[in-house]
PDB file of N, CA and C in Angstrom:
ATOM      1  N   MET A   1      76.846 120.176  22.889  1.00  0.00           N
ATOM      2  CA  MET A   1      77.519 118.906  23.166  1.00  0.00           C
ATOM      3  C   MET A   1      78.405 118.572  21.967  1.00  0.00           C
ATOM      4  N   ALA A   2      79.463 117.838  22.226  1.00  0.00           N
ATOM      5  CA  ALA A   2      80.406 117.443  21.181  1.00  0.00           C
ATOM      6  C   ALA A   2      79.754 116.491  20.189  1.00  0.00           C
ATOM      7  N   LYS A   3      80.317 116.457  18.998  1.00  0.00           N
ATOM      8  CA  LYS A   3      79.855 115.519  17.975  1.00  0.00           C
ATOM      9  C   LYS A   3      80.842 114.365  17.891  1.00  0.00           C
ATOM     10  N   ILE A   4      80.360 113.202  17.496  1.00  0.00           N
ATOM     11  CA  ILE A   4      81.196 112.009  17.351  1.00  0.00           C
ATOM     12  C   ILE A   4      81.089 111.513  15.922  1.00  0.00           C
ATOM     13  N   LEU A   5      82.223 111.178  15.337  1.00  0.00           N
ATOM     14  CA  LEU A   5      82.269 110.667  13.974  1.00  0.00           C
ATOM     15  C   LEU A   5      82.630 109.187  14.006  1.00  0.00           C
ATOM     16  N   PHE A   6      81.791 108.362  13.400  1.00  0.00           N
ATOM     17  CA  PHE A   6      82.096 106.940  13.218  1.00  0.00           C
ATOM     18  C   PHE A   6      82.623 106.778  11.800  1.00  0.00           C
ATOM     19  N   VAL A   7      83.760 106.132  11.653  1.00  0.00           N
ATOM     20  CA  VAL A   7      84.314 105.851  10.327  1.00  0.00           C
ATOM     21  C   VAL A   7      84.277 104.341  10.134  1.00  0.00           C
ATOM     22  N   ILE A   8      83.552 103.918   9.117  1.00  0.00           N
ATOM     23  CA  ILE A   8      83.417 102.489   8.812  1.00  0.00           C
ATOM     24  C   ILE A   8      83.873 102.292   7.376  1.00  0.00           C
ATOM     25  N   THR A   9      84.714 101.313   7.156  1.00  0.00           N
ATOM     26  CA  THR A   9      85.275 101.086   5.835  1.00  0.00           C
ATOM     27  C   THR A   9      84.664  99.850   5.167  1.00  0.00           C
ATOM     28  N   ALA A  10      84.751  99.826   3.879  1.00  0.00           N
ATOM     29  CA  ALA A  10      84.299  98.662   3.118  1.00  0.00           C
ATOM     30  C   ALA A  10      85.490  97.790   2.728  1.00  0.00           C
ATOM     31  N   ALA A  11      86.655  98.054   3.323  1.00  0.00           N
ATOM     32  CA  ALA A  11      87.846  97.265   3.008  1.00  0.00           C
ATOM     33  C   ALA A  11      87.617  95.805   3.372  1.00  0.00           C
ATOM     34  N   THR A  12      88.119  94.918   2.562  1.00  0.00           N
ATOM     35  CA  THR A  12      87.970  93.488   2.836  1.00  0.00           C
ATOM     36  C   THR A  12      89.119  92.953   3.682  1.00  0.00           C
ATOM     37  N   HIS A  13      90.241  93.715   3.747  1.00  0.00           N
ATOM     38  CA  HIS A  13      91.383  93.290   4.549  1.00  0.00           C
ATOM     39  C   HIS A  13      92.289  94.477   4.858  1.00  0.00           C
ATOM     40  N   TRP A  14      93.118  94.290   5.887  1.00  0.00           N
ATOM     41  CA  TRP A  14      94.181  95.239   6.233  1.00  0.00           C
ATOM     42  C   TRP A  14      95.489  94.532   5.913  1.00  0.00           C
ATOM     43  N   THR A  15      96.413  95.214   5.239  1.00  0.00           N
ATOM     44  CA  THR A  15      97.712  94.616   4.982  1.00  0.00           C
ATOM     45  C   THR A  15      98.659  95.047   6.095  1.00  0.00           C
ATOM     46  N   LEU A  16      99.172  94.079   6.841  1.00  0.00           N
ATOM     47  CA  LEU A  16     100.067  94.354   7.961  1.00  0.00           C
ATOM     48  C   LEU A  16     101.492  94.566   7.471  1.00  0.00           C
ATOM     49  N   ALA A  17     102.352  95.053   8.357  1.00  0.00           N
ATOM     50  CA  ALA A  17     103.736  95.365   7.995  1.00  0.00           C
ATOM     51  C   ALA A  17     104.476  94.164   7.423  1.00  0.00           C
ATOM     52  N   ASP A  18     104.141  92.960   7.876  1.00  0.00           N
ATOM     53  CA  ASP A  18     104.823  91.763   7.375  1.00  0.00           C
ATOM     54  C   ASP A  18     104.203  91.224   6.083  1.00  0.00           C
ATOM     55  N   GLY A  19     103.202  91.945   5.532  1.00  0.00           N
ATOM     56  CA  GLY A  19     102.570  91.540   4.286  1.00  0.00           C
ATOM     57  C   GLY A  19     101.326  90.684   4.460  1.00  0.00           C
ATOM     58  N   TYR A  20     101.073  90.212   5.697  1.00  0.00           N
ATOM     59  CA  TYR A  20      99.895  89.395   5.961  1.00  0.00           C
ATOM     60  C   TYR A  20      98.630  90.223   5.746  1.00  0.00           C
ATOM     61  N   GLN A  21      97.636  89.656   5.077  1.00  0.00           N
ATOM     62  CA  GLN A  21      96.373  90.345   4.853  1.00  0.00           C
ATOM     63  C   GLN A  21      95.355  89.882   5.883  1.00  0.00           C
ATOM     64  N   GLN A  22      95.140  90.722   6.881  1.00  0.00           N
ATOM     65  CA  GLN A  22      94.188  90.431   7.958  1.00  0.00           C
ATOM     66  C   GLN A  22      92.777  90.716   7.462  1.00  0.00           C
ATOM     67  N   PRO A  23      91.880  89.736   7.477  1.00  0.00           N
ATOM     68  CA  PRO A  23      90.503  89.997   7.057  1.00  0.00           C
ATOM     69  C   PRO A  23      89.873  91.119   7.891  1.00  0.00           C
ATOM     70  N   ALA A  24      89.038  91.922   7.262  1.00  0.00           N
ATOM     71  CA  ALA A  24      88.390  93.040   7.944  1.00  0.00           C
ATOM     72  C   ALA A  24      86.895  93.015   7.677  1.00  0.00           C
ATOM     73  N   GLY A  25      86.183  93.764   8.451  1.00  0.00           N
ATOM     74  CA  GLY A  25      84.738  93.863   8.317  1.00  0.00           C
ATOM     75  C   GLY A  25      84.155  94.197   9.671  1.00  0.00           C
ATOM     76  N   PHE A  26      82.851  94.387   9.744  1.00  0.00           N
ATOM     77  CA  PHE A  26      82.222  94.686  11.021  1.00  0.00           C
ATOM     78  C   PHE A  26      80.804  94.151  11.023  1.00  0.00           C
ATOM     79  N   TRP A  27      80.303  93.902  12.212  1.00  0.00           N
ATOM     80  CA  TRP A  27      78.905  93.546  12.412  1.00  0.00           C
ATOM     81  C   TRP A  27      78.174  94.832  12.756  1.00  0.00           C
ATOM     82  N   ALA A  28      76.952  94.979  12.312  1.00  0.00           N
ATOM     83  CA  ALA A  28      76.185  96.201  12.576  1.00  0.00           C
ATOM     84  C   ALA A  28      76.103  96.496  14.070  1.00  0.00           C
ATOM     85  N   GLU A  29      76.043  95.471  14.889  1.00  0.00           N
ATOM     86  CA  GLU A  29      75.952  95.668  16.338  1.00  0.00           C
ATOM     87  C   GLU A  29      77.183  96.374  16.894  1.00  0.00           C
ATOM     88  N   GLU A  30      78.336  96.207  16.216  1.00  0.00           N
ATOM     89  CA  GLU A  30      79.561  96.846  16.675  1.00  0.00           C
ATOM     90  C   GLU A  30      79.485  98.361  16.525  1.00  0.00           C
ATOM     91  N   ALA A  31      78.671  98.852  15.621  1.00  0.00           N
ATOM     92  CA  ALA A  31      78.494 100.289  15.443  1.00  0.00           C
ATOM     93  C   ALA A  31      77.242 100.785  16.165  1.00  0.00           C
ATOM     94  N   MET A  32      76.186 100.016  16.138  1.00  0.00           N
ATOM     95  CA  MET A  32      74.910 100.468  16.709  1.00  0.00           C
ATOM     96  C   MET A  32      74.911 100.480  18.237  1.00  0.00           C
ATOM     97  N   GLY A  33      75.651  99.584  18.865  1.00  0.00           N
ATOM     98  CA  GLY A  33      75.728  99.566  20.328  1.00  0.00           C
ATOM     99  C   GLY A  33      76.301 100.867  20.870  1.00  0.00           C
ATOM    100  N   PRO A  34      77.520 101.238  20.454  1.00  0.00           N
ATOM    101  CA  PRO A  34      78.086 102.507  20.915  1.00  0.00           C
ATOM    102  C   PRO A  34      77.255 103.713  20.465  1.00  0.00           C
ATOM    103  N   TYR A  35      76.691 103.658  19.260  1.00  0.00           N
ATOM    104  CA  TYR A  35      75.852 104.763  18.772  1.00  0.00           C
ATOM    105  C   TYR A  35      74.694 105.015  19.737  1.00  0.00           C
ATOM    106  N   ALA A  36      74.027 103.968  20.169  1.00  0.00           N
ATOM    107  CA  ALA A  36      72.894 104.105  21.086  1.00  0.00           C
ATOM    108  C   ALA A  36      73.343 104.705  22.420  1.00  0.00           C
ATOM    109  N   VAL A  37      74.506 104.262  22.906  1.00  0.00           N
ATOM    110  CA  VAL A  37      75.023 104.795  24.174  1.00  0.00           C
ATOM    111  C   VAL A  37      75.340 106.284  24.043  1.00  0.00           C
ATOM    112  N   PHE A  38      76.008 106.671  22.977  1.00  0.00           N
ATOM    113  CA  PHE A  38      76.354 108.085  22.778  1.00  0.00           C
ATOM    114  C   PHE A  38      75.112 108.939  22.572  1.00  0.00           C
ATOM    115  N   LYS A  39      74.151 108.428  21.809  1.00  0.00           N
ATOM    116  CA  LYS A  39      72.910 109.172  21.581  1.00  0.00           C
ATOM    117  C   LYS A  39      72.171 109.392  22.896  1.00  0.00           C
ATOM    118  N   GLU A  40      72.087 108.343  23.706  1.00  0.00           N
ATOM    119  CA  GLU A  40      71.418 108.438  25.014  1.00  0.00           C
ATOM    120  C   GLU A  40      72.117 109.445  25.912  1.00  0.00           C
ATOM    121  N   ALA A  41      73.446 109.570  25.767  1.00  0.00           N
ATOM    122  CA  ALA A  41      74.217 110.499  26.585  1.00  0.00           C
ATOM    123  C   ALA A  41      74.087 111.945  26.094  1.00  0.00           C
ATOM    124  N   GLY A  42      73.425 112.125  24.937  1.00  0.00           N
ATOM    125  CA  GLY A  42      73.170 113.475  24.441  1.00  0.00           C
ATOM    126  C   GLY A  42      74.096 113.964  23.351  1.00  0.00           C
ATOM    127  N   TYR A  43      74.986 113.097  22.874  1.00  0.00           N
ATOM    128  CA  TYR A  43      75.872 113.504  21.793  1.00  0.00           C
ATOM    129  C   TYR A  43      75.086 113.679  20.498  1.00  0.00           C
ATOM    130  N   GLU A  44      75.537 114.624  19.661  1.00  0.00           N
ATOM    131  CA  GLU A  44      74.886 114.847  18.365  1.00  0.00           C
ATOM    132  C   GLU A  44      75.373 113.834  17.358  1.00  0.00           C
ATOM    133  N   ARG A  45      74.573 113.612  16.328  1.00  0.00           N
ATOM    134  CA  ARG A  45      75.011 112.726  15.257  1.00  0.00           C
ATOM    135  C   ARG A  45      75.258 113.491  14.010  1.00  0.00           C
TER     136      ARG A  45
END
């Protein structure tokens, strides 16, 4: 089965083309929800 790579950054913001600094971050649920679905489907980690 295919492998899936999750990339999570510690960046505090993204700088947009117009110079605006968009705050960044993630909640653990945003990564763990899809992880559980992929694991259940048989994907490797």
